Amino acid sequence: MSWIVLVVSGVLEAVWAAALAASHGFRRLIPTLVFTLACGVSMAGLAYAMTDLPTGTAYAVWVGIGATLTVVWGIVTGAERVTVARVLLLALLVGSVVGLKVVS
């Protein structure tokens, strides 16, 4: 169960990161509200997962999922360019997250 909560929390990390950018310095109400809610739930999920999983592993997986999805979102929306190096590095990051799950 902790792994499922951790993955959902990682996804919510990407949501709050995108909402933070869309809030334009907390000047737009809806993105600010989405940021606040997603951030709170994401942190609570990470805290829950850390009661069962090693702290370093849980944090690395949470950040890895959030960072990967945030970059993918940037690419999909056109805010970031797609490059071979970027795709390879994202694949390495995803592989590292999967590897942490396998060895934990």
PDB file of N, CA and C in Angstrom:
ATOM      1  N   MET A   1       0.821  -1.198   0.000  1.00  0.00           N
ATOM      2  CA  MET A   1       0.000   0.000   0.000  1.00  0.00           C
ATOM      3  C   MET A   1       0.868   1.268   0.000  1.00  0.00           C
ATOM      4  N   SER A   2       1.996   1.212   0.728  1.00  0.00           N
ATOM      5  CA  SER A   2       2.871   2.385   0.798  1.00  0.00           C
ATOM      6  C   SER A   2       3.403   2.775  -0.571  1.00  0.00           C
ATOM      7  N   TRP A   3       3.700   1.774  -1.409  1.00  0.00           N
ATOM      8  CA  TRP A   3       4.218   2.072  -2.741  1.00  0.00           C
ATOM      9  C   TRP A   3       3.157   2.759  -3.598  1.00  0.00           C
ATOM     10  N   ILE A   4       1.919   2.329  -3.484  1.00  0.00           N
ATOM     11  CA  ILE A   4       0.838   2.954  -4.258  1.00  0.00           C
ATOM     12  C   ILE A   4       0.661   4.407  -3.826  1.00  0.00           C
ATOM     13  N   VAL A   5       0.638   4.629  -2.514  1.00  0.00           N
ATOM     14  CA  VAL A   5       0.509   5.995  -1.991  1.00  0.00           C
ATOM     15  C   VAL A   5       1.687   6.844  -2.449  1.00  0.00           C
ATOM     16  N   LEU A   6       2.885   6.269  -2.441  1.00  0.00           N
ATOM     17  CA  LEU A   6       4.073   7.002  -2.864  1.00  0.00           C
ATOM     18  C   LEU A   6       3.994   7.398  -4.333  1.00  0.00           C
ATOM     19  N   VAL A   7       3.552   6.500  -5.183  1.00  0.00           N
ATOM     20  CA  VAL A   7       3.428   6.805  -6.617  1.00  0.00           C
ATOM     21  C   VAL A   7       2.391   7.909  -6.838  1.00  0.00           C
ATOM     22  N   VAL A   8       1.244   7.807  -6.182  1.00  0.00           N
ATOM     23  CA  VAL A   8       0.216   8.848  -6.311  1.00  0.00           C
ATOM     24  C   VAL A   8       0.761  10.178  -5.809  1.00  0.00           C
ATOM     25  N   SER A   9       1.507  10.149  -4.713  1.00  0.00           N
ATOM     26  CA  SER A   9       2.105  11.369  -4.173  1.00  0.00           C
ATOM     27  C   SER A   9       3.114  11.968  -5.141  1.00  0.00           C
ATOM     28  N   GLY A  10       3.869  11.118  -5.838  1.00  0.00           N
ATOM     29  CA  GLY A  10       4.808  11.593  -6.848  1.00  0.00           C
ATOM     30  C   GLY A  10       4.098  12.253  -8.013  1.00  0.00           C
ATOM     31  N   VAL A  11       2.985  11.677  -8.421  1.00  0.00           N
ATOM     32  CA  VAL A  11       2.181  12.286  -9.489  1.00  0.00           C
ATOM     33  C   VAL A  11       1.672  13.656  -9.030  1.00  0.00           C
ATOM     34  N   LEU A  12       1.212  13.721  -7.784  1.00  0.00           N
ATOM     35  CA  LEU A  12       0.722  14.993  -7.261  1.00  0.00           C
ATOM     36  C   LEU A  12       1.834  16.027  -7.130  1.00  0.00           C
ATOM     37  N   GLU A  13       3.075  15.564  -6.980  1.00  0.00           N
ATOM     38  CA  GLU A  13       4.189  16.510  -6.972  1.00  0.00           C
ATOM     39  C   GLU A  13       4.284  17.219  -8.325  1.00  0.00           C
ATOM     40  N   ALA A  14       4.112  16.468  -9.396  1.00  0.00           N
ATOM     41  CA  ALA A  14       4.122  17.074 -10.731  1.00  0.00           C
ATOM     42  C   ALA A  14       2.948  18.030 -10.905  1.00  0.00           C
ATOM     43  N   VAL A  15       1.801  17.674 -10.342  1.00  0.00           N
ATOM     44  CA  VAL A  15       0.624  18.548 -10.421  1.00  0.00           C
ATOM     45  C   VAL A  15       0.907  19.868  -9.712  1.00  0.00           C
ATOM     46  N   TRP A  16       1.456  19.784  -8.490  1.00  0.00           N
ATOM     47  CA  TRP A  16       1.684  21.052  -7.783  1.00  0.00           C
ATOM     48  C   TRP A  16       2.788  21.873  -8.431  1.00  0.00           C
ATOM     49  N   ALA A  17       3.774  21.220  -9.033  1.00  0.00           N
ATOM     50  CA  ALA A  17       4.823  21.975  -9.718  1.00  0.00           C
ATOM     51  C   ALA A  17       4.245  22.726 -10.922  1.00  0.00           C
ATOM     52  N   ALA A  18       3.400  22.055 -11.687  1.00  0.00           N
ATOM     53  CA  ALA A  18       2.771  22.713 -12.846  1.00  0.00           C
ATOM     54  C   ALA A  18       1.826  23.830 -12.385  1.00  0.00           C
ATOM     55  N   ALA A  19       1.087  23.579 -11.319  1.00  0.00           N
ATOM     56  CA  ALA A  19       0.178  24.607 -10.800  1.00  0.00           C
ATOM     57  C   ALA A  19       0.952  25.797 -10.256  1.00  0.00           C
ATOM     58  N   LEU A  20       2.090  25.540  -9.643  1.00  0.00           N
ATOM     59  CA  LEU A  20       2.923  26.632  -9.127  1.00  0.00           C
ATOM     60  C   LEU A  20       3.370  27.545 -10.268  1.00  0.00           C
ATOM     61  N   ALA A  21       3.805  26.946 -11.364  1.00  0.00           N
ATOM     62  CA  ALA A  21       4.208  27.748 -12.524  1.00  0.00           C
ATOM     63  C   ALA A  21       3.014  28.522 -13.085  1.00  0.00           C
ATOM     64  N   ALA A  22       1.863  27.858 -13.134  1.00  0.00           N
ATOM     65  CA  ALA A  22       0.669  28.499 -13.698  1.00  0.00           C
ATOM     66  C   ALA A  22       0.093  29.587 -12.788  1.00  0.00           C
ATOM     67  N   SER A  23       0.473  29.577 -11.515  1.00  0.00           N
ATOM     68  CA  SER A  23      -0.071  30.569 -10.586  1.00  0.00           C
ATOM     69  C   SER A  23       0.548  31.955 -10.786  1.00  0.00           C
ATOM     70  N   HIS A  24       1.669  32.012 -11.524  1.00  0.00           N
ATOM     71  CA  HIS A  24       2.359  33.284 -11.783  1.00  0.00           C
ATOM     72  C   HIS A  24       2.638  34.025 -10.477  1.00  0.00           C
ATOM     73  N   GLY A  25       3.354  33.335  -9.581  1.00  0.00           N
ATOM     74  CA  GLY A  25       3.713  33.961  -8.302  1.00  0.00           C
ATOM     75  C   GLY A  25       2.534  34.090  -7.358  1.00  0.00           C
ATOM     76  N   PHE A  26       1.641  33.129  -7.406  1.00  0.00           N
ATOM     77  CA  PHE A  26       0.435  33.100  -6.565  1.00  0.00           C
ATOM     78  C   PHE A  26      -0.516  34.259  -6.862  1.00  0.00           C
ATOM     79  N   ARG A  27      -0.485  34.758  -8.090  1.00  0.00           N
ATOM     80  CA  ARG A  27      -1.384  35.842  -8.475  1.00  0.00           C
ATOM     81  C   ARG A  27      -2.653  35.351  -9.151  1.00  0.00           C
ATOM     82  N   ARG A  28      -2.715  34.059  -9.481  1.00  0.00           N
ATOM     83  CA  ARG A  28      -3.922  33.484 -10.101  1.00  0.00           C
ATOM     84  C   ARG A  28      -4.540  32.508  -9.116  1.00  0.00           C
ATOM     85  N   LEU A  29      -5.817  32.674  -8.843  1.00  0.00           N
ATOM     86  CA  LEU A  29      -6.488  31.956  -7.764  1.00  0.00           C
ATOM     87  C   LEU A  29      -6.561  30.444  -7.986  1.00  0.00           C
ATOM     88  N   ILE A  30      -7.097  30.006  -9.108  1.00  0.00           N
ATOM     89  CA  ILE A  30      -7.323  28.564  -9.314  1.00  0.00           C
ATOM     90  C   ILE A  30      -6.005  27.784  -9.282  1.00  0.00           C
ATOM     91  N   PRO A  31      -4.973  28.183 -10.033  1.00  0.00           N
ATOM     92  CA  PRO A  31      -3.708  27.444  -9.927  1.00  0.00           C
ATOM     93  C   PRO A  31      -3.123  27.478  -8.507  1.00  0.00           C
ATOM     94  N   THR A  32      -3.308  28.572  -7.807  1.00  0.00           N
ATOM     95  CA  THR A  32      -2.814  28.657  -6.432  1.00  0.00           C
ATOM     96  C   THR A  32      -3.541  27.661  -5.534  1.00  0.00           C
ATOM     97  N   LEU A  33      -4.844  27.535  -5.708  1.00  0.00           N
ATOM     98  CA  LEU A  33      -5.619  26.563  -4.934  1.00  0.00           C
ATOM     99  C   LEU A  33      -5.221  25.129  -5.284  1.00  0.00           C
ATOM    100  N   VAL A  34      -5.026  24.857  -6.579  1.00  0.00           N
ATOM    101  CA  VAL A  34      -4.583  23.524  -7.002  1.00  0.00           C
ATOM    102  C   VAL A  34      -3.213  23.225  -6.409  1.00  0.00           C
ATOM    103  N   PHE A  35      -2.303  24.199  -6.456  1.00  0.00           N
ATOM    104  CA  PHE A  35      -0.983  24.028  -5.858  1.00  0.00           C
ATOM    105  C   PHE A  35      -1.096  23.675  -4.380  1.00  0.00           C
ATOM    106  N   THR A  36      -1.870  24.441  -3.644  1.00  0.00           N
ATOM    107  CA  THR A  36      -1.985  24.247  -2.199  1.00  0.00           C
ATOM    108  C   THR A  36      -2.542  22.865  -1.870  1.00  0.00           C
ATOM    109  N   LEU A  37      -3.591  22.468  -2.544  1.00  0.00           N
ATOM    110  CA  LEU A  37      -4.201  21.164  -2.289  1.00  0.00           C
ATOM    111  C   LEU A  37      -3.273  20.026  -2.694  1.00  0.00           C
ATOM    112  N   ALA A  38      -2.740  20.095  -3.909  1.00  0.00           N
ATOM    113  CA  ALA A  38      -1.868  19.017  -4.395  1.00  0.00           C
ATOM    114  C   ALA A  38      -0.603  18.906  -3.551  1.00  0.00           C
ATOM    115  N   CYS A  39      -0.047  20.032  -3.146  1.00  0.00           N
ATOM    116  CA  CYS A  39       1.168  20.015  -2.333  1.00  0.00           C
ATOM    117  C   CYS A  39       0.894  19.373  -0.975  1.00  0.00           C
ATOM    118  N   GLY A  40      -0.192  19.756  -0.353  1.00  0.00           N
ATOM    119  CA  GLY A  40      -0.541  19.186   0.951  1.00  0.00           C
ATOM    120  C   GLY A  40      -0.774  17.692   0.891  1.00  0.00           C
ATOM    121  N   VAL A  41      -1.540  17.257  -0.098  1.00  0.00           N
ATOM    122  CA  VAL A  41      -1.832  15.822  -0.226  1.00  0.00           C
ATOM    123  C   VAL A  41      -0.568  15.053  -0.619  1.00  0.00           C
ATOM    124  N   SER A  42       0.242  15.633  -1.485  1.00  0.00           N
ATOM    125  CA  SER A  42       1.487  14.983  -1.891  1.00  0.00           C
ATOM    126  C   SER A  42       2.426  14.800  -0.705  1.00  0.00           C
ATOM    127  N   MET A  43       2.582  15.823   0.101  1.00  0.00           N
ATOM    128  CA  MET A  43       3.455  15.736   1.279  1.00  0.00           C
ATOM    129  C   MET A  43       2.912  14.738   2.298  1.00  0.00           C
ATOM    130  N   ALA A  44       1.603  14.745   2.484  1.00  0.00           N
ATOM    131  CA  ALA A  44       0.991  13.801   3.426  1.00  0.00           C
ATOM    132  C   ALA A  44       1.200  12.364   2.950  1.00  0.00           C
ATOM    133  N   GLY A  45       1.070  12.144   1.656  1.00  0.00           N
ATOM    134  CA  GLY A  45       1.307  10.809   1.106  1.00  0.00           C
ATOM    135  C   GLY A  45       2.750  10.382   1.255  1.00  0.00           C
ATOM    136  N   LEU A  46       3.675  11.305   1.023  1.00  0.00           N
ATOM    137  CA  LEU A  46       5.087  10.996   1.220  1.00  0.00           C
ATOM    138  C   LEU A  46       5.355  10.648   2.676  1.00  0.00           C
ATOM    139  N   ALA A  47       4.794  11.413   3.585  1.00  0.00           N
ATOM    140  CA  ALA A  47       4.977  11.147   5.015  1.00  0.00           C
ATOM    141  C   ALA A  47       4.422   9.774   5.380  1.00  0.00           C
ATOM    142  N   TYR A  48       3.262   9.430   4.840  1.00  0.00           N
ATOM    143  CA  TYR A  48       2.678   8.113   5.101  1.00  0.00           C
ATOM    144  C   TYR A  48       3.594   7.006   4.570  1.00  0.00           C
ATOM    145  N   ALA A  49       4.068   7.168   3.343  1.00  0.00           N
ATOM    146  CA  ALA A  49       4.915   6.135   2.737  1.00  0.00           C
ATOM    147  C   ALA A  49       6.204   5.958   3.533  1.00  0.00           C
ATOM    148  N   MET A  50       6.712   7.033   4.104  1.00  0.00           N
ATOM    149  CA  MET A  50       7.956   6.964   4.867  1.00  0.00           C
ATOM    150  C   MET A  50       7.800   6.210   6.189  1.00  0.00           C
ATOM    151  N   THR A  51       6.573   5.940   6.604  1.00  0.00           N
ATOM    152  CA  THR A  51       6.399   5.144   7.823  1.00  0.00           C
ATOM    153  C   THR A  51       6.704   3.675   7.560  1.00  0.00           C
ATOM    154  N   ASP A  52       6.683   3.287   6.286  1.00  0.00           N
ATOM    155  CA  ASP A  52       6.900   1.888   5.925  1.00  0.00           C
ATOM    156  C   ASP A  52       8.138   1.669   5.061  1.00  0.00           C
ATOM    157  N   LEU A  53       8.540   2.697   4.321  1.00  0.00           N
ATOM    158  CA  LEU A  53       9.665   2.586   3.390  1.00  0.00           C
ATOM    159  C   LEU A  53      10.860   3.373   3.918  1.00  0.00           C
ATOM    160  N   PRO A  54      12.073   2.978   3.517  1.00  0.00           N
ATOM    161  CA  PRO A  54      13.244   3.760   3.913  1.00  0.00           C
ATOM    162  C   PRO A  54      13.126   5.203   3.406  1.00  0.00           C
ATOM    163  N   THR A  55      13.510   6.145   4.227  1.00  0.00           N
ATOM    164  CA  THR A  55      13.362   7.563   3.902  1.00  0.00           C
ATOM    165  C   THR A  55      14.036   7.937   2.587  1.00  0.00           C
ATOM    166  N   GLY A  56      15.282   7.520   2.408  1.00  0.00           N
ATOM    167  CA  GLY A  56      16.007   7.867   1.189  1.00  0.00           C
ATOM    168  C   GLY A  56      15.354   7.314  -0.059  1.00  0.00           C
ATOM    169  N   THR A  57      14.920   6.075   0.018  1.00  0.00           N
ATOM    170  CA  THR A  57      14.254   5.441  -1.126  1.00  0.00           C
ATOM    171  C   THR A  57      12.935   6.141  -1.436  1.00  0.00           C
ATOM    172  N   ALA A  58      12.127   6.368  -0.406  1.00  0.00           N
ATOM    173  CA  ALA A  58      10.820   7.007  -0.605  1.00  0.00           C
ATOM    174  C   ALA A  58      10.991   8.400  -1.208  1.00  0.00           C
ATOM    175  N   TYR A  59      11.925   9.160  -0.671  1.00  0.00           N
ATOM    176  CA  TYR A  59      12.127  10.518  -1.166  1.00  0.00           C
ATOM    177  C   TYR A  59      12.644  10.518  -2.603  1.00  0.00           C
ATOM    178  N   ALA A  60      13.595   9.642  -2.897  1.00  0.00           N
ATOM    179  CA  ALA A  60      14.146   9.572  -4.252  1.00  0.00           C
ATOM    180  C   ALA A  60      13.082   9.172  -5.267  1.00  0.00           C
ATOM    181  N   VAL A  61      12.245   8.224  -4.917  1.00  0.00           N
ATOM    182  CA  VAL A  61      11.176   7.789  -5.820  1.00  0.00           C
ATOM    183  C   VAL A  61      10.168   8.923  -6.015  1.00  0.00           C
ATOM    184  N   TRP A  62       9.802   9.574  -4.928  1.00  0.00           N
ATOM    185  CA  TRP A  62       8.835  10.685  -4.986  1.00  0.00           C
ATOM    186  C   TRP A  62       9.348  11.805  -5.885  1.00  0.00           C
ATOM    187  N   VAL A  63      10.592  12.201  -5.677  1.00  0.00           N
ATOM    188  CA  VAL A  63      11.190  13.263  -6.486  1.00  0.00           C
ATOM    189  C   VAL A  63      11.346  12.810  -7.941  1.00  0.00           C
ATOM    190  N   GLY A  64      11.780  11.564  -8.133  1.00  0.00           N
ATOM    191  CA  GLY A  64      11.974  11.051  -9.489  1.00  0.00           C
ATOM    192  C   GLY A  64      10.693  11.049 -10.302  1.00  0.00           C
ATOM    193  N   ILE A  65       9.618  10.586  -9.682  1.00  0.00           N
ATOM    194  CA  ILE A  65       8.327  10.579 -10.375  1.00  0.00           C
ATOM    195  C   ILE A  65       7.888  12.006 -10.674  1.00  0.00           C
ATOM    196  N   GLY A  66       7.960  12.860  -9.676  1.00  0.00           N
ATOM    197  CA  GLY A  66       7.537  14.245  -9.862  1.00  0.00           C
ATOM    198  C   GLY A  66       8.352  14.973 -10.907  1.00  0.00           C
ATOM    199  N   ALA A  67       9.658  14.815 -10.855  1.00  0.00           N
ATOM    200  CA  ALA A  67      10.529  15.496 -11.815  1.00  0.00           C
ATOM    201  C   ALA A  67      10.295  14.994 -13.234  1.00  0.00           C
ATOM    202  N   THR A  68      10.202  13.690 -13.380  1.00  0.00           N
ATOM    203  CA  THR A  68       9.979  13.116 -14.711  1.00  0.00           C
ATOM    204  C   THR A  68       8.670  13.597 -15.311  1.00  0.00           C
ATOM    205  N   LEU A  69       7.600  13.512 -14.533  1.00  0.00           N
ATOM    206  CA  LEU A  69       6.292  13.936 -15.052  1.00  0.00           C
ATOM    207  C   LEU A  69       6.239  15.435 -15.305  1.00  0.00           C
ATOM    208  N   THR A  70       6.946  16.212 -14.510  1.00  0.00           N
ATOM    209  CA  THR A  70       6.984  17.660 -14.730  1.00  0.00           C
ATOM    210  C   THR A  70       7.678  17.988 -16.050  1.00  0.00           C
ATOM    211  N   VAL A  71       8.785  17.313 -16.330  1.00  0.00           N
ATOM    212  CA  VAL A  71       9.479  17.532 -17.607  1.00  0.00           C
ATOM    213  C   VAL A  71       8.610  17.058 -18.771  1.00  0.00           C
ATOM    214  N   VAL A  72       7.986  15.895 -18.627  1.00  0.00           N
ATOM    215  CA  VAL A  72       7.105  15.391 -19.691  1.00  0.00           C
ATOM    216  C   VAL A  72       5.971  16.370 -19.946  1.00  0.00           C
ATOM    217  N   TRP A  73       5.395  16.915 -18.880  1.00  0.00           N
ATOM    218  CA  TRP A  73       4.325  17.901 -19.035  1.00  0.00           C
ATOM    219  C   TRP A  73       4.846  19.130 -19.788  1.00  0.00           C
ATOM    220  N   GLY A  74       6.038  19.575 -19.455  1.00  0.00           N
ATOM    221  CA  GLY A  74       6.636  20.704 -20.151  1.00  0.00           C
ATOM    222  C   GLY A  74       6.837  20.426 -21.628  1.00  0.00           C
ATOM    223  N   ILE A  75       7.229  19.211 -21.940  1.00  0.00           N
ATOM    224  CA  ILE A  75       7.424  18.832 -23.341  1.00  0.00           C
ATOM    225  C   ILE A  75       6.076  18.776 -24.068  1.00  0.00           C
ATOM    226  N   VAL A  76       5.082  18.161 -23.439  1.00  0.00           N
ATOM    227  CA  VAL A  76       3.752  18.024 -24.055  1.00  0.00           C
ATOM    228  C   VAL A  76       3.119  19.384 -24.312  1.00  0.00           C
ATOM    229  N   THR A  77       3.300  20.316 -23.379  1.00  0.00           N
ATOM    230  CA  THR A  77       2.693  21.637 -23.533  1.00  0.00           C
ATOM    231  C   THR A  77       3.523  22.582 -24.386  1.00  0.00           C
ATOM    232  N   GLY A  78       4.725  22.143 -24.781  1.00  0.00           N
ATOM    233  CA  GLY A  78       5.579  22.973 -25.618  1.00  0.00           C
ATOM    234  C   GLY A  78       6.451  23.947 -24.846  1.00  0.00           C
ATOM    235  N   ALA A  79       6.427  23.884 -23.531  1.00  0.00           N
ATOM    236  CA  ALA A  79       7.241  24.786 -22.719  1.00  0.00           C
ATOM    237  C   ALA A  79       8.708  24.365 -22.698  1.00  0.00           C
ATOM    238  N   GLU A  80       8.971  23.100 -23.012  1.00  0.00           N
ATOM    239  CA  GLU A  80      10.351  22.595 -23.023  1.00  0.00           C
ATOM    240  C   GLU A  80      10.576  21.838 -24.326  1.00  0.00           C
ATOM    241  N   ARG A  81      11.818  21.886 -24.792  1.00  0.00           N
ATOM    242  CA  ARG A  81      12.164  21.204 -26.038  1.00  0.00           C
ATOM    243  C   ARG A  81      12.450  19.734 -25.786  1.00  0.00           C
ATOM    244  N   VAL A  82      12.218  18.938 -26.816  1.00  0.00           N
ATOM    245  CA  VAL A  82      12.586  17.518 -26.776  1.00  0.00           C
ATOM    246  C   VAL A  82      13.964  17.399 -27.415  1.00  0.00           C
ATOM    247  N   THR A  83      14.888  16.815 -26.666  1.00  0.00           N
ATOM    248  CA  THR A  83      16.209  16.536 -27.216  1.00  0.00           C
ATOM    249  C   THR A  83      16.561  15.092 -26.900  1.00  0.00           C
ATOM    250  N   VAL A  84      17.476  14.548 -27.655  1.00  0.00           N
ATOM    251  CA  VAL A  84      17.904  13.173 -27.413  1.00  0.00           C
ATOM    252  C   VAL A  84      18.485  13.060 -26.009  1.00  0.00           C
ATOM    253  N   ALA A  85      19.312  14.010 -25.624  1.00  0.00           N
ATOM    254  CA  ALA A  85      19.923  13.975 -24.290  1.00  0.00           C
ATOM    255  C   ALA A  85      18.860  14.005 -23.195  1.00  0.00           C
ATOM    256  N   ARG A  86      17.856  14.847 -23.347  1.00  0.00           N
ATOM    257  CA  ARG A  86      16.788  14.956 -22.350  1.00  0.00           C
ATOM    258  C   ARG A  86      16.013  13.641 -22.231  1.00  0.00           C
ATOM    259  N   VAL A  87      15.695  13.039 -23.356  1.00  0.00           N
ATOM    260  CA  VAL A  87      14.963  11.765 -23.339  1.00  0.00           C
ATOM    261  C   VAL A  87      15.809  10.667 -22.693  1.00  0.00           C
ATOM    262  N   LEU A  88      17.088  10.618 -23.029  1.00  0.00           N
ATOM    263  CA  LEU A  88      17.967   9.605 -22.423  1.00  0.00           C
ATOM    264  C   LEU A  88      18.116   9.812 -20.922  1.00  0.00           C
ATOM    265  N   LEU A  89      18.255  11.040 -20.501  1.00  0.00           N
ATOM    266  CA  LEU A  89      18.380  11.315 -19.069  1.00  0.00           C
ATOM    267  C   LEU A  89      17.087  11.003 -18.316  1.00  0.00           C
ATOM    268  N   LEU A  90      15.945  11.279 -18.915  1.00  0.00           N
ATOM    269  CA  LEU A  90      14.667  10.900 -18.291  1.00  0.00           C
ATOM    270  C   LEU A  90      14.544   9.384 -18.190  1.00  0.00           C
ATOM    271  N   ALA A  91      14.977   8.692 -19.234  1.00  0.00           N
ATOM    272  CA  ALA A  91      14.950   7.222 -19.187  1.00  0.00           C
ATOM    273  C   ALA A  91      15.852   6.702 -18.071  1.00  0.00           C
ATOM    274  N   LEU A  92      16.997   7.320 -17.905  1.00  0.00           N
ATOM    275  CA  LEU A  92      17.908   6.944 -16.825  1.00  0.00           C
ATOM    276  C   LEU A  92      17.270   7.211 -15.461  1.00  0.00           C
ATOM    277  N   LEU A  93      16.595   8.338 -15.336  1.00  0.00           N
ATOM    278  CA  LEU A  93      15.919   8.664 -14.085  1.00  0.00           C
ATOM    279  C   LEU A  93      14.810   7.662 -13.766  1.00  0.00           C
ATOM    280  N   VAL A  94      14.003   7.337 -14.749  1.00  0.00           N
ATOM    281  CA  VAL A  94      12.938   6.354 -14.561  1.00  0.00           C
ATOM    282  C   VAL A  94      13.536   4.992 -14.215  1.00  0.00           C
ATOM    283  N   GLY A  95      14.582   4.614 -14.911  1.00  0.00           N
ATOM    284  CA  GLY A  95      15.251   3.350 -14.608  1.00  0.00           C
ATOM    285  C   GLY A  95      15.791   3.312 -13.195  1.00  0.00           C
ATOM    286  N   SER A  96      16.317   4.434 -12.724  1.00  0.00           N
ATOM    287  CA  SER A  96      16.823   4.508 -11.360  1.00  0.00           C
ATOM    288  C   SER A  96      15.701   4.366 -10.344  1.00  0.00           C
ATOM    289  N   VAL A  97      14.568   4.994 -10.598  1.00  0.00           N
ATOM    290  CA  VAL A  97      13.427   4.876  -9.701  1.00  0.00           C
ATOM    291  C   VAL A  97      12.930   3.434  -9.656  1.00  0.00           C
ATOM    292  N   VAL A  98      12.823   2.801 -10.811  1.00  0.00           N
ATOM    293  CA  VAL A  98      12.400   1.398 -10.862  1.00  0.00           C
ATOM    294  C   VAL A  98      13.421   0.534 -10.127  1.00  0.00           C
ATOM    295  N   GLY A  99      14.688   0.818 -10.316  1.00  0.00           N
ATOM    296  CA  GLY A  99      15.732   0.063  -9.630  1.00  0.00           C
ATOM    297  C   GLY A  99      15.624   0.183  -8.120  1.00  0.00           C
ATOM    298  N   LEU A 100      15.322   1.362  -7.625  1.00  0.00           N
ATOM    299  CA  LEU A 100      15.132   1.533  -6.188  1.00  0.00           C
ATOM    300  C   LEU A 100      13.969   0.694  -5.670  1.00  0.00           C
ATOM    301  N   LYS A 101      12.910   0.619  -6.456  1.00  0.00           N
ATOM    302  CA  LYS A 101      11.766  -0.215  -6.062  1.00  0.00           C
ATOM    303  C   LYS A 101      12.170  -1.677  -6.023  1.00  0.00           C
ATOM    304  N   VAL A 102      12.937  -2.108  -6.999  1.00  0.00           N
ATOM    305  CA  VAL A 102      13.337  -3.522  -7.090  1.00  0.00           C
ATOM    306  C   VAL A 102      14.204  -3.931  -5.911  1.00  0.00           C
ATOM    307  N   VAL A 103      15.112  -3.054  -5.507  1.00  0.00           N
ATOM    308  CA  VAL A 103      16.035  -3.438  -4.428  1.00  0.00           C
ATOM    309  C   VAL A 103      15.487  -3.152  -3.027  1.00  0.00           C
ATOM    310  N   SER A 104      14.327  -2.519  -2.949  1.00  0.00           N
ATOM    311  CA  SER A 104      13.759  -2.209  -1.622  1.00  0.00           C
ATOM    312  C   SER A 104      12.782  -3.260  -1.157  1.00  0.00           C
TER     313      SER A 104
END
